[in-house]
Amino acid sequence: MDPDERLAAAAGGAARYYADSAGLENDDILQLQAAVVAACKHCFHCHNSATSCQITLRRLENRIEIELALQGKEPPPGQDKPSWPGVDEVQCEAHENEAVLRLTKFVPPAAPD
């Protein structure tokens, strides 16, 4: 994904779809969507270059994960781990010459019918 706010909004829309299909409440859905947009913008501005980032969304049984990776970058030193409402866990990692920011939203089990 190129550093473009329209693409960040599209990623937020995809996260909204995942959250809706997981049965989350509307407020939780909107918060997750806003958090993904904010995380994308954070990654865009984290480094001074126009490096594109790779985004991966995963819907697992008990959670939704959004992973942003900047190839050829290391996480900026000395920065605090970001946090956003609507996200239960934020992880910042370095993997083989890339910086990875992972957002996790836990999904409660479905109520029995």
N, C-alpha and C. Protein backbone atom coordinates (compact mmCIF):
# COMPACT_ATOMS: atom_id res chain seq x y z
N MET A 1 0.85 -1.16 0.00
CA MET A 1 0.00 0.00 0.00
C MET A 1 0.90 1.23 0.00
N ASP A 2 0.68 2.09 -0.97
CA ASP A 2 1.42 3.35 -1.03
C ASP A 2 0.94 4.28 0.08
N PRO A 3 1.79 5.22 0.50
CA PRO A 3 1.40 6.13 1.57
C PRO A 3 0.36 7.15 1.09
N ASP A 4 -0.87 6.76 1.06
CA ASP A 4 -1.97 7.57 0.56
C ASP A 4 -3.14 7.41 1.52
N GLU A 5 -3.68 8.53 2.00
CA GLU A 5 -4.76 8.47 2.98
C GLU A 5 -6.00 7.76 2.45
N ARG A 6 -6.21 7.79 1.14
CA ARG A 6 -7.35 7.07 0.57
C ARG A 6 -7.18 5.57 0.73
N LEU A 7 -5.95 5.09 0.61
CA LEU A 7 -5.69 3.66 0.81
C LEU A 7 -5.83 3.29 2.29
N ALA A 8 -5.44 4.20 3.17
CA ALA A 8 -5.65 3.97 4.60
C ALA A 8 -7.14 3.84 4.90
N ALA A 9 -7.95 4.68 4.27
CA ALA A 9 -9.40 4.60 4.47
C ALA A 9 -9.94 3.28 3.94
N ALA A 10 -9.40 2.81 2.82
CA ALA A 10 -9.83 1.52 2.27
C ALA A 10 -9.47 0.37 3.22
N ALA A 11 -8.28 0.43 3.83
CA ALA A 11 -7.89 -0.60 4.80
C ALA A 11 -8.83 -0.56 6.00
N GLY A 12 -9.20 0.64 6.43
CA GLY A 12 -10.16 0.77 7.53
C GLY A 12 -11.51 0.17 7.16
N GLY A 13 -11.93 0.35 5.91
CA GLY A 13 -13.18 -0.23 5.44
C GLY A 13 -13.13 -1.75 5.45
N ALA A 14 -11.99 -2.31 5.07
CA ALA A 14 -11.84 -3.77 5.10
C ALA A 14 -11.91 -4.28 6.54
N ALA A 15 -11.26 -3.56 7.46
CA ALA A 15 -11.32 -3.96 8.87
C ALA A 15 -12.75 -3.85 9.39
N ARG A 16 -13.47 -2.85 8.93
CA ARG A 16 -14.87 -2.69 9.33
C ARG A 16 -15.69 -3.91 8.88
N TYR A 17 -15.45 -4.35 7.66
CA TYR A 17 -16.16 -5.52 7.14
C TYR A 17 -15.86 -6.76 7.99
N TYR A 18 -14.59 -6.97 8.33
CA TYR A 18 -14.21 -8.12 9.16
C TYR A 18 -14.89 -8.04 10.52
N ALA A 19 -14.90 -6.84 11.12
CA ALA A 19 -15.49 -6.67 12.44
C ALA A 19 -17.00 -6.89 12.40
N ASP A 20 -17.63 -6.40 11.35
CA ASP A 20 -19.07 -6.59 11.21
C ASP A 20 -19.40 -8.07 11.03
N SER A 21 -18.63 -8.74 10.20
CA SER A 21 -18.89 -10.17 9.97
C SER A 21 -18.59 -11.01 11.20
N ALA A 22 -17.76 -10.48 12.12
CA ALA A 22 -17.46 -11.18 13.37
C ALA A 22 -18.55 -10.94 14.42
N GLY A 23 -19.50 -10.05 14.10
CA GLY A 23 -20.60 -9.81 15.02
C GLY A 23 -20.31 -8.80 16.11
N LEU A 24 -19.30 -7.94 15.92
CA LEU A 24 -19.00 -6.93 16.94
C LEU A 24 -20.08 -5.86 16.96
N GLU A 25 -20.19 -5.20 18.09
CA GLU A 25 -21.14 -4.09 18.24
C GLU A 25 -20.69 -2.91 17.37
N ASN A 26 -21.64 -2.06 16.99
CA ASN A 26 -21.36 -0.96 16.07
C ASN A 26 -20.26 -0.03 16.59
N ASP A 27 -20.28 0.31 17.89
CA ASP A 27 -19.23 1.19 18.43
C ASP A 27 -17.86 0.55 18.31
N ASP A 28 -17.77 -0.76 18.57
CA ASP A 28 -16.50 -1.48 18.45
C ASP A 28 -16.03 -1.51 17.00
N ILE A 29 -16.97 -1.67 16.08
CA ILE A 29 -16.64 -1.70 14.65
C ILE A 29 -16.05 -0.36 14.23
N LEU A 30 -16.70 0.72 14.62
CA LEU A 30 -16.24 2.05 14.24
C LEU A 30 -14.89 2.38 14.85
N GLN A 31 -14.68 1.96 16.11
CA GLN A 31 -13.39 2.20 16.76
C GLN A 31 -12.28 1.42 16.07
N LEU A 32 -12.54 0.17 15.70
CA LEU A 32 -11.52 -0.62 15.01
C LEU A 32 -11.20 0.00 13.65
N GLN A 33 -12.21 0.42 12.94
CA GLN A 33 -12.00 1.05 11.64
C GLN A 33 -11.11 2.30 11.80
N ALA A 34 -11.43 3.14 12.76
CA ALA A 34 -10.63 4.35 13.00
C ALA A 34 -9.21 4.01 13.42
N ALA A 35 -9.05 2.96 14.22
CA ALA A 35 -7.71 2.55 14.66
C ALA A 35 -6.86 2.08 13.49
N VAL A 36 -7.45 1.35 12.56
CA VAL A 36 -6.69 0.86 11.40
C VAL A 36 -6.26 2.04 10.52
N VAL A 37 -7.16 2.99 10.31
CA VAL A 37 -6.80 4.18 9.52
C VAL A 37 -5.66 4.93 10.22
N ALA A 38 -5.77 5.11 11.52
CA ALA A 38 -4.73 5.81 12.28
C ALA A 38 -3.40 5.05 12.24
N ALA A 39 -3.45 3.73 12.33
CA ALA A 39 -2.21 2.93 12.28
C ALA A 39 -1.55 3.05 10.91
N CYS A 40 -2.35 3.04 9.86
CA CYS A 40 -1.79 3.22 8.51
C CYS A 40 -1.10 4.57 8.40
N LYS A 41 -1.77 5.62 8.85
CA LYS A 41 -1.18 6.96 8.80
C LYS A 41 0.08 7.03 9.66
N HIS A 42 0.06 6.35 10.79
CA HIS A 42 1.24 6.29 11.66
C HIS A 42 2.42 5.67 10.90
N CYS A 43 2.16 4.57 10.20
CA CYS A 43 3.23 3.92 9.44
C CYS A 43 3.71 4.81 8.30
N PHE A 44 2.78 5.52 7.66
CA PHE A 44 3.17 6.42 6.58
C PHE A 44 4.14 7.49 7.07
N HIS A 45 3.90 7.97 8.30
CA HIS A 45 4.69 9.08 8.83
C HIS A 45 5.82 8.64 9.75
N CYS A 46 5.92 7.35 9.98
CA CYS A 46 6.93 6.81 10.88
C CYS A 46 8.34 6.99 10.30
N HIS A 47 8.42 6.89 9.00
CA HIS A 47 9.70 7.00 8.31
C HIS A 47 9.60 8.15 7.31
N ASN A 48 10.72 8.79 7.05
CA ASN A 48 10.72 9.98 6.21
C ASN A 48 10.71 9.68 4.72
N SER A 49 10.66 8.45 4.34
CA SER A 49 10.66 8.12 2.91
C SER A 49 9.24 7.76 2.49
N ALA A 50 9.03 7.67 1.21
CA ALA A 50 7.72 7.31 0.66
C ALA A 50 7.61 5.79 0.50
N THR A 51 8.19 5.07 1.43
CA THR A 51 8.16 3.62 1.38
C THR A 51 6.73 3.11 1.50
N SER A 52 6.36 2.21 0.62
CA SER A 52 5.04 1.62 0.74
C SER A 52 5.07 0.56 1.83
N CYS A 53 3.89 0.24 2.35
CA CYS A 53 3.83 -0.79 3.38
C CYS A 53 2.87 -1.88 2.91
N GLN A 54 3.10 -3.04 3.43
CA GLN A 54 2.24 -4.19 3.13
C GLN A 54 1.26 -4.33 4.28
N ILE A 55 -0.01 -4.53 3.95
CA ILE A 55 -1.02 -4.71 4.99
C ILE A 55 -1.66 -6.08 4.81
N THR A 56 -1.83 -6.76 5.93
CA THR A 56 -2.46 -8.08 5.93
C THR A 56 -3.55 -8.07 6.98
N LEU A 57 -4.76 -8.47 6.59
CA LEU A 57 -5.87 -8.60 7.52
C LEU A 57 -6.20 -10.08 7.65
N ARG A 58 -6.36 -10.52 8.90
CA ARG A 58 -6.70 -11.93 9.15
C ARG A 58 -7.90 -11.99 10.07
N ARG A 59 -8.86 -12.82 9.71
CA ARG A 59 -10.00 -13.08 10.59
C ARG A 59 -9.82 -14.50 11.10
N LEU A 60 -9.48 -14.61 12.37
CA LEU A 60 -9.32 -15.91 13.01
C LEU A 60 -10.52 -16.15 13.92
N GLU A 61 -10.62 -17.33 14.45
CA GLU A 61 -11.80 -17.70 15.24
C GLU A 61 -12.04 -16.75 16.41
N ASN A 62 -10.98 -16.35 17.09
CA ASN A 62 -11.15 -15.55 18.30
C ASN A 62 -10.61 -14.13 18.21
N ARG A 63 -10.17 -13.72 17.00
CA ARG A 63 -9.60 -12.38 16.88
C ARG A 63 -9.52 -11.93 15.43
N ILE A 64 -9.31 -10.63 15.28
CA ILE A 64 -9.02 -10.02 13.99
C ILE A 64 -7.63 -9.41 14.13
N GLU A 65 -6.75 -9.71 13.18
CA GLU A 65 -5.40 -9.15 13.19
C GLU A 65 -5.20 -8.30 11.95
N ILE A 66 -4.59 -7.14 12.17
CA ILE A 66 -4.20 -6.27 11.08
C ILE A 66 -2.70 -6.05 11.22
N GLU A 67 -1.95 -6.41 10.20
CA GLU A 67 -0.50 -6.32 10.26
C GLU A 67 -0.01 -5.38 9.18
N LEU A 68 0.79 -4.39 9.58
CA LEU A 68 1.40 -3.45 8.66
C LEU A 68 2.91 -3.68 8.70
N ALA A 69 3.52 -3.87 7.54
CA ALA A 69 4.95 -4.14 7.47
C ALA A 69 5.62 -3.18 6.50
N LEU A 70 6.73 -2.58 6.94
CA LEU A 70 7.54 -1.71 6.09
C LEU A 70 8.82 -2.45 5.74
N GLN A 71 8.97 -2.82 4.49
CA GLN A 71 10.15 -3.55 4.04
C GLN A 71 11.38 -2.65 4.12
N GLY A 72 12.49 -3.26 4.50
CA GLY A 72 13.76 -2.53 4.54
C GLY A 72 13.86 -1.50 5.63
N LYS A 73 13.00 -1.59 6.61
CA LYS A 73 13.00 -0.62 7.71
C LYS A 73 13.09 -1.34 9.04
N GLU A 74 13.61 -0.63 9.99
CA GLU A 74 13.59 -1.08 11.38
C GLU A 74 12.65 -0.15 12.13
N PRO A 75 12.02 -0.62 13.20
CA PRO A 75 11.19 0.30 13.97
C PRO A 75 12.03 1.48 14.45
N PRO A 76 11.47 2.69 14.41
CA PRO A 76 12.23 3.85 14.86
C PRO A 76 12.63 3.70 16.33
N PRO A 77 13.89 3.97 16.66
CA PRO A 77 14.35 3.80 18.05
C PRO A 77 13.72 4.85 18.96
N GLY A 78 13.49 4.45 20.20
CA GLY A 78 13.05 5.38 21.22
C GLY A 78 11.59 5.81 21.14
N GLN A 79 10.83 5.26 20.24
CA GLN A 79 9.42 5.64 20.18
C GLN A 79 8.60 4.69 21.05
N ASP A 80 7.63 5.27 21.74
CA ASP A 80 6.72 4.45 22.53
C ASP A 80 5.80 3.68 21.61
N LYS A 81 5.35 2.53 22.10
CA LYS A 81 4.41 1.73 21.33
C LYS A 81 3.09 2.49 21.24
N PRO A 82 2.56 2.66 20.04
CA PRO A 82 1.30 3.39 19.90
C PRO A 82 0.14 2.59 20.45
N SER A 83 -0.95 3.27 20.75
CA SER A 83 -2.19 2.60 21.16
C SER A 83 -3.36 3.38 20.59
N TRP A 84 -4.43 2.65 20.29
CA TRP A 84 -5.63 3.25 19.74
C TRP A 84 -6.84 2.61 20.38
N PRO A 85 -7.90 3.42 20.64
CA PRO A 85 -9.15 2.83 21.12
C PRO A 85 -9.68 1.85 20.08
N GLY A 86 -10.30 0.79 20.54
CA GLY A 86 -10.87 -0.19 19.63
C GLY A 86 -9.94 -1.34 19.30
N VAL A 87 -8.71 -1.27 19.81
CA VAL A 87 -7.73 -2.33 19.59
C VAL A 87 -7.34 -2.89 20.95
N ASP A 88 -7.34 -4.20 21.06
CA ASP A 88 -7.02 -4.83 22.35
C ASP A 88 -5.53 -5.01 22.58
N GLU A 89 -4.77 -5.13 21.51
CA GLU A 89 -3.33 -5.39 21.65
C GLU A 89 -2.60 -4.77 20.47
N VAL A 90 -1.44 -4.14 20.75
CA VAL A 90 -0.58 -3.59 19.70
C VAL A 90 0.81 -4.15 19.92
N GLN A 91 1.40 -4.68 18.84
CA GLN A 91 2.76 -5.21 18.91
C GLN A 91 3.60 -4.54 17.83
N CYS A 92 4.80 -4.13 18.22
CA CYS A 92 5.78 -3.58 17.27
C CYS A 92 6.98 -4.52 17.29
N GLU A 93 7.37 -5.00 16.10
CA GLU A 93 8.44 -5.98 16.01
C GLU A 93 9.34 -5.67 14.82
N ALA A 94 10.51 -6.26 14.83
CA ALA A 94 11.42 -6.23 13.68
C ALA A 94 11.61 -7.66 13.21
N HIS A 95 11.43 -7.88 11.91
CA HIS A 95 11.61 -9.20 11.31
C HIS A 95 12.44 -9.05 10.05
N GLU A 96 13.60 -9.65 10.01
CA GLU A 96 14.41 -9.72 8.81
C GLU A 96 14.29 -8.48 7.93
N ASN A 97 14.80 -7.36 8.43
CA ASN A 97 14.87 -6.13 7.67
C ASN A 97 13.50 -5.52 7.35
N GLU A 98 12.54 -5.64 8.29
CA GLU A 98 11.27 -4.96 8.14
C GLU A 98 10.71 -4.64 9.51
N ALA A 99 9.97 -3.55 9.58
CA ALA A 99 9.26 -3.17 10.79
C ALA A 99 7.83 -3.66 10.66
N VAL A 100 7.30 -4.26 11.72
CA VAL A 100 5.95 -4.81 11.70
C VAL A 100 5.15 -4.21 12.86
N LEU A 101 3.96 -3.70 12.52
CA LEU A 101 3.02 -3.21 13.51
C LEU A 101 1.78 -4.07 13.40
N ARG A 102 1.42 -4.76 14.49
CA ARG A 102 0.28 -5.68 14.47
C ARG A 102 -0.77 -5.22 15.47
N LEU A 103 -2.00 -5.03 14.98
CA LEU A 103 -3.15 -4.69 15.81
C LEU A 103 -4.01 -5.92 15.97
N THR A 104 -4.48 -6.17 17.18
CA THR A 104 -5.34 -7.32 17.44
C THR A 104 -6.61 -6.86 18.13
N LYS A 105 -7.73 -7.31 17.61
CA LYS A 105 -9.03 -7.10 18.24
C LYS A 105 -9.60 -8.48 18.55
N PHE A 106 -9.80 -8.76 19.83
CA PHE A 106 -10.33 -10.05 20.22
C PHE A 106 -11.84 -10.07 20.00
N VAL A 107 -12.32 -11.19 19.54
CA VAL A 107 -13.74 -11.38 19.21
C VAL A 107 -14.33 -12.34 20.23
N PRO A 108 -15.39 -11.90 20.92
CA PRO A 108 -16.01 -12.82 21.88
C PRO A 108 -16.66 -13.99 21.16
N PRO A 109 -16.74 -15.14 21.81
CA PRO A 109 -17.38 -16.29 21.18
C PRO A 109 -18.84 -15.98 20.90
N ALA A 110 -19.34 -16.56 19.83
CA ALA A 110 -20.75 -16.36 19.46
C ALA A 110 -21.66 -16.99 20.51
N ALA A 111 -22.74 -16.29 20.80
CA ALA A 111 -23.71 -16.82 21.76
C ALA A 111 -24.45 -17.99 21.13
N PRO A 112 -24.70 -19.03 21.90
CA PRO A 112 -25.44 -20.17 21.35
C PRO A 112 -26.87 -19.76 21.00
N ASP A 113 -27.40 -20.35 19.96
CA ASP A 113 -28.77 -20.02 19.52
C ASP A 113 -29.80 -20.69 20.39
